[in-house]
């Protein structure tokens, strides 16, 4: 049974969204907020859905999950693919259940696409075309990006030249439909939100956030992250294509195969995580109606701003 603090009183159902970059302190704020309101937490994190990927995904501890009920944690094994549509399906069910019970939900996590799909609808576009994908796969990333810049400048400006998957998908949509993928996504963004919610964000000055990221990577390594990855390899052999996108796991697997030193792996993880944080914030800044709070206020300061709304 999940316990809440003695002073916490259950309120009527509401949704409070808390966004921010990785290592911004969302989880600590969400825990305190949930306990104050007698609420539960809905995880919007594409990597915390995977069982046994605990340390590297900064998953809530067993004690935290005992104190506050978390939804969409440990949903699938890491050799399975987990899709955005599956996330929306499960999140919709969790929201319906919380509404029925009159329990507030704190919606937090670090996957912007999941937020967009949950609150604005899921843009699926045309189905995959194996022939088109096979042909596009013959070109270099530089060629793909140059072609995308010709037919869909908006998407080319947004998609990095090294992001093969998204480059191919954008060009595939254009070739199948004759329209740039950005036009579909613009129409999608004009839709009404699927759920009413109050939105908050945690903002940090970049150098301060980078220091927090570096410190957290160090802490994760000290907590046994390398052994966690070794256990995943022994148990599953490899990760699914979606699980493998988790920051740090690919680098540590390369280390365990003897391809790079642990020191190099750690440095690469820090760099990749800082890049992830920048991408997250670019996404999050596009959401309307977010009240941004300074992360340096600390947990009590941020929660005080929210509950005093």
Protein backbone atom coordinates (compact mmCIF):
# COMPACT_ATOMS: atom_id res chain seq x y z
CA UNK A 1 0.00 0.00 0.00
CA UNK A 2 1.38 3.41 -0.92
CA UNK A 3 1.78 5.78 2.00
CA UNK A 4 1.52 9.56 2.06
CA UNK A 5 2.67 11.95 4.74
CA UNK A 6 0.32 12.57 7.62
CA UNK A 7 -0.30 16.17 6.57
CA UNK A 8 -1.14 15.29 2.98
CA UNK A 9 -4.81 15.39 2.11
CA UNK A 10 -6.19 13.85 -1.07
CA UNK A 11 -7.61 16.49 -3.41
CA UNK A 12 -9.99 16.18 -6.30
CA UNK A 13 -8.51 14.88 -9.53
CA UNK A 14 -6.23 17.29 -11.36
CA UNK A 15 -3.18 17.01 -13.58
CA UNK A 16 -0.01 18.93 -12.80
CA UNK A 17 2.70 18.66 -15.45
CA UNK A 18 6.33 19.20 -14.46
CA UNK A 19 8.84 19.41 -17.29
CA UNK A 20 12.55 20.14 -17.49
CA UNK A 21 15.83 18.77 -18.75
CA UNK A 22 17.49 15.66 -17.40
CA UNK A 23 19.13 16.28 -14.00
CA UNK A 24 16.99 19.40 -13.42
CA UNK A 25 15.45 17.96 -10.25
CA UNK A 26 12.00 17.02 -11.56
CA UNK A 27 11.80 13.73 -9.67
CA UNK A 28 12.49 15.24 -6.25
CA UNK A 29 9.96 18.00 -6.81
CA UNK A 30 7.36 15.53 -8.09
CA UNK A 31 7.83 13.29 -5.03
CA UNK A 32 7.38 16.16 -2.59
CA UNK A 33 4.43 17.54 -4.53
CA UNK A 34 2.70 14.16 -4.70
CA UNK A 35 3.09 13.67 -0.95
CA UNK A 36 1.79 17.16 -0.19
CA UNK A 37 -1.28 16.67 -2.39
CA UNK A 38 -1.91 12.99 -1.70
CA UNK A 39 -1.29 12.34 -5.37
CA UNK A 40 0.46 9.87 -7.65
CA UNK A 41 3.14 10.23 -10.32
CA UNK A 42 2.74 9.40 -14.00
CA UNK A 43 6.18 8.87 -15.53
CA UNK A 44 6.66 10.37 -18.99
CA UNK A 45 10.02 8.75 -19.62
CA UNK A 46 10.76 6.47 -22.55
CA UNK A 47 13.53 4.65 -20.67
CA UNK A 48 12.05 4.18 -17.19
CA UNK A 49 9.47 1.88 -18.80
CA UNK A 50 12.23 -0.76 -19.03
CA UNK A 51 12.74 -3.27 -16.25
CA UNK A 52 16.27 -3.70 -14.85
CA UNK A 53 17.42 -0.36 -16.33
CA UNK A 54 17.32 1.42 -12.99
CA UNK A 55 20.52 3.32 -12.25
CA UNK A 56 21.16 4.79 -15.67
CA UNK A 57 17.58 5.98 -16.12
CA UNK A 58 17.47 7.60 -12.65
CA UNK A 59 14.43 5.49 -11.89
CA UNK A 60 12.61 6.17 -8.59
CA UNK A 61 13.95 3.95 -5.84
CA UNK A 62 11.94 1.11 -4.32
CA UNK A 63 11.41 3.25 -1.22
CA UNK A 64 10.12 6.18 -3.30
CA UNK A 65 7.76 3.87 -5.15
CA UNK A 66 6.48 2.56 -1.82
CA UNK A 67 5.80 6.07 -0.56
CA UNK A 68 4.16 7.36 -3.75
CA UNK A 69 2.51 5.27 -6.41
CA UNK A 70 4.22 5.61 -9.80
CA UNK A 71 2.63 4.73 -13.13
CA UNK A 72 4.47 3.50 -16.26
CA UNK A 73 7.60 2.36 -14.45
CA UNK A 74 8.92 -1.14 -15.29
CA UNK A 75 6.44 -1.90 -18.05
CA UNK A 76 8.51 -4.02 -20.47
CA UNK A 77 11.79 -5.94 -20.66
CA UNK A 78 14.72 -4.13 -22.31
CA UNK A 79 14.84 -6.49 -25.27
CA UNK A 80 11.34 -5.35 -26.27
CA UNK A 81 10.41 -2.35 -28.40
CA UNK A 82 8.22 0.24 -26.67
CA UNK A 83 6.35 2.70 -28.89
CA UNK A 84 4.87 6.15 -28.41
CA UNK A 85 1.41 4.78 -29.21
CA UNK A 86 1.78 2.15 -26.48
CA UNK A 87 2.78 4.86 -24.03
CA UNK A 88 -0.29 6.94 -24.87
CA UNK A 89 -2.53 3.90 -24.47
CA UNK A 90 -1.17 3.10 -21.00
CA UNK A 91 -1.06 6.73 -19.91
CA UNK A 92 -4.68 7.25 -20.96
CA UNK A 93 -5.66 4.26 -18.80
CA UNK A 94 -3.71 5.60 -15.81
CA UNK A 95 -5.31 9.03 -16.15
CA UNK A 96 -8.80 7.53 -16.42
CA UNK A 97 -8.16 5.47 -13.30
CA UNK A 98 -6.87 8.46 -11.31
CA UNK A 99 -9.84 10.53 -12.40
CA UNK A 100 -12.25 7.83 -11.28
CA UNK A 101 -10.57 7.62 -7.87
CA UNK A 102 -10.28 11.41 -7.50
CA UNK A 103 -6.49 11.29 -7.14
CA UNK A 104 -4.23 14.14 -8.37
CA UNK A 105 -1.58 13.15 -10.90
CA UNK A 106 1.88 14.67 -11.15
CA UNK A 107 2.95 14.07 -14.74
CA UNK A 108 6.73 14.28 -15.09
CA UNK A 109 9.65 12.84 -17.03
CA UNK A 110 12.12 13.69 -19.75
CA UNK A 111 10.63 12.55 -23.06
CA UNK A 112 9.14 15.56 -24.90
CA UNK A 113 7.56 13.49 -27.68
CA UNK A 114 5.58 11.53 -25.10
CA UNK A 115 4.16 14.76 -23.67
CA UNK A 116 3.24 15.99 -27.12
CA UNK A 117 1.56 12.73 -28.07
CA UNK A 118 -0.31 12.47 -24.75
CA UNK A 119 -1.59 16.04 -24.63
CA UNK A 120 -1.86 17.00 -28.30
CA UNK A 121 -2.50 13.69 -30.02
CA UNK A 122 -0.36 11.18 -31.83
CA UNK A 123 0.93 12.07 -35.27
CA UNK A 124 1.50 8.78 -37.05
CA UNK A 125 1.71 9.77 -40.71
CA UNK A 126 1.79 7.17 -43.46
CA UNK A 127 2.95 3.64 -42.70
CA UNK A 128 6.49 2.52 -43.34
CA UNK A 129 7.45 1.78 -46.94
CA UNK A 130 10.22 -0.86 -46.93
CA UNK A 131 11.27 -0.15 -50.51
CA UNK A 132 11.62 3.58 -49.94
CA UNK A 133 13.53 2.98 -46.71
CA UNK A 134 15.86 0.49 -48.36
CA UNK A 135 16.66 2.95 -51.14
CA UNK A 136 17.21 5.85 -48.73
CA UNK A 137 19.43 3.63 -46.62
CA UNK A 138 21.96 3.53 -49.45
CA UNK A 139 22.79 7.22 -49.04
CA UNK A 140 25.08 8.87 -46.53
CA UNK A 141 23.65 11.02 -43.76
CA UNK A 142 25.11 14.10 -45.43
CA UNK A 143 23.29 13.27 -48.67
CA UNK A 144 20.03 12.58 -46.82
CA UNK A 145 20.26 15.85 -44.94
CA UNK A 146 21.03 17.79 -48.12
CA UNK A 147 18.02 16.24 -49.86
CA UNK A 148 15.79 17.03 -46.88
CA UNK A 149 16.98 20.64 -46.93
CA UNK A 150 15.73 20.86 -50.53
CA UNK A 151 12.25 19.43 -49.96
CA UNK A 152 11.59 20.30 -46.30
CA UNK A 153 13.88 23.08 -44.98
CA UNK A 154 11.94 23.32 -41.71
CA UNK A 155 12.62 19.67 -40.86
CA UNK A 156 16.22 19.87 -42.03
CA UNK A 157 16.81 22.75 -39.62
CA UNK A 158 15.41 20.68 -36.78
CA UNK A 159 16.92 17.24 -37.53
CA UNK A 160 20.64 16.74 -36.91
CA UNK A 161 22.72 15.33 -39.74
CA UNK A 162 23.66 12.33 -37.55
CA UNK A 163 20.05 11.40 -36.77
CA UNK A 164 19.66 8.75 -39.47
CA UNK A 165 16.31 7.42 -38.28
CA UNK A 166 14.55 10.78 -38.37
CA UNK A 167 16.19 11.81 -41.65
CA UNK A 168 14.96 8.65 -43.34
CA UNK A 169 11.48 9.00 -41.85
CA UNK A 170 11.16 12.63 -42.97
CA UNK A 171 12.19 11.79 -46.52
CA UNK A 172 10.00 8.70 -46.52
CA UNK A 173 6.94 10.79 -45.61
CA UNK A 174 7.75 13.26 -48.35
CA UNK A 175 8.18 10.57 -51.01
CA UNK A 176 5.03 8.68 -49.99
CA UNK A 177 2.73 11.70 -49.59
CA UNK A 178 4.35 14.41 -51.67
CA UNK A 179 4.17 16.70 -48.63
CA UNK A 180 6.88 17.58 -46.09
CA UNK A 181 6.55 15.97 -42.70
CA UNK A 182 6.73 19.43 -41.11
CA UNK A 183 3.37 20.33 -42.69
CA UNK A 184 1.70 17.36 -41.00
CA UNK A 185 3.33 18.19 -37.68
CA UNK A 186 2.23 21.82 -37.92
CA UNK A 187 -1.36 20.75 -38.47
CA UNK A 188 -0.99 18.35 -35.54
CA UNK A 189 0.27 21.11 -33.26
CA UNK A 190 -2.82 23.24 -33.93
CA UNK A 191 -5.11 20.68 -32.30
CA UNK A 192 -6.71 21.09 -28.90
CA UNK A 193 -5.07 19.49 -25.89
CA UNK A 194 -6.50 16.15 -24.91
CA UNK A 195 -6.33 16.87 -21.17
CA UNK A 196 -6.60 19.99 -19.06
CA UNK A 197 -3.49 20.44 -16.96
CA UNK A 198 -1.43 23.04 -15.13
CA UNK A 199 2.08 23.17 -16.55
CA UNK A 200 5.32 24.01 -14.71
CA UNK A 201 8.91 23.82 -15.86
CA UNK A 202 12.28 23.79 -14.10
CA UNK A 203 14.81 26.15 -15.66
CA UNK A 204 18.56 26.17 -15.02
CA UNK A 205 21.41 28.28 -16.32
CA UNK A 206 23.27 26.01 -18.74
CA UNK A 207 26.61 25.84 -16.88
CA UNK A 208 24.82 24.98 -13.63
CA UNK A 209 22.81 22.23 -15.33
CA UNK A 210 25.98 20.85 -16.93
CA UNK A 211 27.58 20.59 -13.50
CA UNK A 212 24.54 18.74 -12.20
CA UNK A 213 24.68 16.35 -15.17
CA UNK A 214 28.38 15.62 -14.64
CA UNK A 215 27.82 15.02 -10.93
CA UNK A 216 24.90 12.71 -11.58
CA UNK A 217 26.85 10.60 -14.09
CA UNK A 218 29.63 10.24 -11.50
CA UNK A 219 27.07 9.24 -8.87
CA UNK A 220 25.49 6.66 -11.18
CA UNK A 221 28.85 5.05 -11.90
CA UNK A 222 29.59 4.88 -8.16
CA UNK A 223 26.15 3.35 -7.59
CA UNK A 224 27.01 0.37 -9.81
CA UNK A 225 25.87 1.39 -13.29
CA UNK A 226 28.58 -0.66 -14.99
CA UNK A 227 27.45 -3.79 -13.15
CA UNK A 228 23.85 -3.05 -14.09
CA UNK A 229 24.80 -2.93 -17.77
CA UNK A 230 26.88 -6.10 -17.41
CA UNK A 231 23.82 -7.83 -15.97
CA UNK A 232 21.67 -6.67 -18.88
CA UNK A 233 24.16 -8.12 -21.37
CA UNK A 234 24.27 -11.42 -19.51
CA UNK A 235 20.49 -11.63 -19.29
CA UNK A 236 19.37 -10.25 -22.66
CA UNK A 237 22.44 -10.20 -24.88
CA UNK A 238 21.43 -6.90 -26.45
CA UNK A 239 18.88 -4.13 -25.99
CA UNK A 240 15.94 -3.40 -28.26
CA UNK A 241 16.33 -0.50 -30.68
CA UNK A 242 14.28 1.74 -28.40
CA UNK A 243 15.95 0.69 -25.14
CA UNK A 244 19.37 1.22 -26.74
CA UNK A 245 18.54 4.92 -27.10
CA UNK A 246 18.92 5.38 -23.33
CA UNK A 247 21.79 7.74 -22.63
CA UNK A 248 24.89 5.95 -21.42
CA UNK A 249 24.00 2.33 -21.97
CA UNK A 250 25.53 2.08 -25.45
CA UNK A 251 28.75 3.67 -24.20
CA UNK A 252 29.03 1.32 -21.24
CA UNK A 253 28.32 -1.69 -23.45
CA UNK A 254 31.17 -0.58 -25.70
CA UNK A 255 33.40 -0.38 -22.63
CA UNK A 256 32.42 -3.87 -21.50
CA UNK A 257 33.24 -5.19 -24.98
CA UNK A 258 36.72 -3.75 -24.54
CA UNK A 259 36.29 -1.11 -27.22
CA UNK A 260 36.83 1.96 -25.01
CA UNK A 261 38.13 2.64 -21.52
CA UNK A 262 35.77 3.36 -18.68
CA UNK A 263 37.14 6.90 -18.46
CA UNK A 264 36.35 7.51 -22.15
CA UNK A 265 32.91 5.97 -21.76
CA UNK A 266 32.14 8.27 -18.82
CA UNK A 267 33.27 11.32 -20.75
CA UNK A 268 31.16 10.34 -23.74
CA UNK A 269 28.15 9.82 -21.46
CA UNK A 270 28.56 13.28 -19.98
CA UNK A 271 28.75 14.84 -23.43
CA UNK A 272 25.77 12.86 -24.74
CA UNK A 273 23.68 13.72 -21.68
CA UNK A 274 24.46 17.42 -21.98
CA UNK A 275 23.40 17.26 -25.63
CA UNK A 276 20.22 15.45 -24.61
CA UNK A 277 19.41 18.19 -22.11
CA UNK A 278 19.75 20.87 -24.79
CA UNK A 279 17.44 18.95 -27.14
CA UNK A 280 14.90 18.45 -24.37
CA UNK A 281 14.79 22.15 -23.56
CA UNK A 282 14.35 23.11 -27.22
CA UNK A 283 11.31 20.86 -27.29
CA UNK A 284 9.94 21.96 -23.94
CA UNK A 285 10.21 25.66 -24.74
CA UNK A 286 7.72 25.11 -27.56
CA UNK A 287 4.93 24.10 -25.20
CA UNK A 288 2.44 26.89 -24.44
CA UNK A 289 1.19 27.86 -21.02
CA UNK A 290 4.21 26.69 -19.00
CA UNK A 291 5.15 28.60 -15.85
CA UNK A 292 8.93 28.35 -15.64
CA UNK A 293 10.48 28.23 -12.17
CA UNK A 294 14.15 28.56 -11.27
CA UNK A 295 15.55 25.17 -10.34
CA UNK A 296 18.03 26.77 -7.96
CA UNK A 297 15.07 27.61 -5.69
CA UNK A 298 15.34 24.04 -4.44
CA UNK A 299 12.62 21.48 -3.88
CA UNK A 300 10.83 23.37 -1.11
CA UNK A 301 10.90 26.64 -3.01
CA UNK A 302 9.56 25.13 -6.22
CA UNK A 303 6.86 23.10 -4.47
CA UNK A 304 5.85 26.19 -2.49
CA UNK A 305 5.36 28.11 -5.75
CA UNK A 306 3.20 25.31 -7.15
CA UNK A 307 0.97 24.56 -4.15
CA UNK A 308 0.51 28.27 -3.53
CA UNK A 309 -0.91 28.76 -7.02
